[in-house]
Amino acid sequence: MSQNDSDSFIGGLLAGTAIGTVLGLLIAPRTGQQTRKVIKKSADAIPDIIDDLSTSVHFHADKLSHTTLQNWDSTLVRLKDALIAGQAASRDEFIKSADTTSAPNSQRD
């Protein structure tokens, strides 16, 4: 499971839990007063849930940022190596071409 899949799963899990809780409270066979108490307790817990979710999002964003930087550094190293190899191959081809074109001229003189 990739990082995006697990983040989507966690987000869906939290959203589903919240929706299920609200629907369960509204459908539950309780008196209005009991239901209001439960809703108030749930509402009081929302700031803690948001704080936990915010912490989780920050953690995953930092982790993603770190991974992205590592991948970028790796890409730069590979690009540098490819450029060096390309320059060397181009230089070798140029020298080979110059030797081929100058060889017949030197035989005529």
Protein backbone atom coordinates (compact mmCIF):
# COMPACT_ATOMS: atom_id res chain seq x y z
CA MET A 1 0.00 0.00 0.00
CA SER A 2 1.51 3.34 -1.03
CA GLN A 3 1.71 6.43 1.17
CA ASN A 4 -1.14 8.15 -0.73
CA ASP A 5 -3.33 5.08 -0.39
CA SER A 6 -2.76 4.86 3.36
CA ASP A 7 -3.42 8.61 3.78
CA SER A 8 -6.64 8.30 1.79
CA PHE A 9 -7.63 5.29 3.85
CA ILE A 10 -7.01 7.10 7.15
CA GLY A 11 -8.93 10.17 5.93
CA GLY A 12 -11.83 8.00 4.81
CA LEU A 13 -11.77 6.11 8.08
CA LEU A 14 -11.98 9.33 10.09
CA ALA A 15 -14.73 10.79 7.89
CA GLY A 16 -16.70 7.54 8.04
CA THR A 17 -16.34 7.42 11.81
CA ALA A 18 -17.62 10.98 12.18
CA ILE A 19 -20.57 10.42 9.84
CA GLY A 20 -21.42 7.11 11.50
CA THR A 21 -21.33 8.70 14.94
CA VAL A 22 -23.68 11.51 13.94
CA LEU A 23 -26.11 9.15 12.22
CA GLY A 24 -25.99 6.74 15.14
CA LEU A 25 -26.82 9.51 17.57
CA LEU A 26 -29.71 10.75 15.50
CA ILE A 27 -31.21 7.29 15.00
CA ALA A 28 -30.52 5.93 18.51
CA PRO A 29 -33.52 5.13 20.70
CA ARG A 30 -32.72 7.70 23.39
CA THR A 31 -34.65 10.57 24.74
CA GLY A 32 -33.91 14.00 23.35
CA GLN A 33 -32.18 15.03 26.56
CA GLN A 34 -29.89 11.99 26.53
CA THR A 35 -29.11 12.51 22.85
CA ARG A 36 -28.26 16.18 23.45
CA LYS A 37 -25.86 15.19 26.24
CA VAL A 38 -24.11 12.72 23.96
CA ILE A 39 -23.93 15.30 21.15
CA LYS A 40 -22.51 17.89 23.55
CA LYS A 41 -19.82 15.44 24.71
CA SER A 42 -19.02 14.64 21.10
CA ALA A 43 -18.86 18.32 20.21
CA ASP A 44 -16.55 18.95 23.16
CA ALA A 45 -14.21 16.24 21.80
CA ILE A 46 -14.00 17.82 18.32
CA PRO A 47 -11.08 20.17 19.15
CA ASP A 48 -9.04 17.18 20.38
CA ILE A 49 -9.89 15.21 17.27
CA ILE A 50 -8.95 18.15 15.04
CA ASP A 51 -5.67 18.57 16.95
CA ASP A 52 -4.86 14.88 16.50
CA LEU A 53 -5.74 15.05 12.82
CA SER A 54 -3.66 18.20 12.36
CA THR A 55 -0.68 16.53 14.04
CA SER A 56 -1.09 13.50 11.80
CA VAL A 57 -1.30 15.65 8.65
CA HIS A 58 1.81 17.61 9.66
CA PHE A 59 3.70 14.39 10.35
CA HIS A 60 2.79 12.91 6.97
CA ALA A 61 3.56 16.18 5.17
CA ASP A 62 7.00 16.34 6.79
CA LYS A 63 7.64 12.71 5.92
CA LEU A 64 6.54 13.30 2.32
CA SER A 65 8.72 16.41 2.11
CA HIS A 66 11.74 14.50 3.40
CA THR A 67 11.14 11.65 0.94
CA THR A 68 10.72 14.12 -1.91
CA LEU A 69 14.03 15.81 -1.06
CA GLN A 70 15.80 12.45 -0.95
CA ASN A 71 14.34 11.51 -4.34
CA TRP A 72 15.33 14.90 -5.75
CA ASP A 73 18.91 14.51 -4.52
CA SER A 74 19.08 11.03 -6.05
CA THR A 75 17.71 12.36 -9.34
CA LEU A 76 20.30 15.16 -9.41
CA VAL A 77 23.14 12.67 -8.86
CA ARG A 78 21.86 10.44 -11.67
CA LEU A 79 21.41 13.44 -13.96
CA LYS A 80 24.97 14.63 -13.25
CA ASP A 81 26.33 11.15 -13.99
CA ALA A 82 24.33 11.00 -17.22
CA LEU A 83 25.60 14.41 -18.32
CA ILE A 84 29.20 13.43 -17.61
CA ALA A 85 28.75 10.18 -19.54
CA GLY A 86 27.11 12.07 -22.41
CA GLN A 87 29.94 14.60 -22.54
CA ALA A 88 32.54 11.82 -22.55
CA ALA A 89 30.72 9.93 -25.32
CA SER A 90 30.33 13.11 -27.35
CA ARG A 91 34.01 13.96 -26.88
CA ASP A 92 35.05 10.44 -27.91
CA GLU A 93 32.80 10.58 -30.97
CA PHE A 94 34.19 13.99 -31.91
CA ILE A 95 37.80 12.74 -31.60
CA LYS A 96 36.94 9.60 -33.58
CA SER A 97 35.29 11.72 -36.28
CA ALA A 98 38.23 14.14 -36.38
CA ASP A 99 40.72 11.26 -36.68
CA THR A 100 38.71 9.68 -39.51
CA THR A 101 38.46 12.90 -41.51
CA SER A 102 42.09 13.92 -40.98
CA ALA A 103 43.59 10.52 -41.82
CA PRO A 104 42.90 10.63 -45.61
CA ASN A 105 44.16 14.22 -45.85
CA SER A 106 47.45 13.35 -44.21
CA GLN A 107 48.01 10.44 -46.63
CA ARG A 108 47.70 12.78 -49.65
CA ASP A 109 50.45 15.13 -48.45
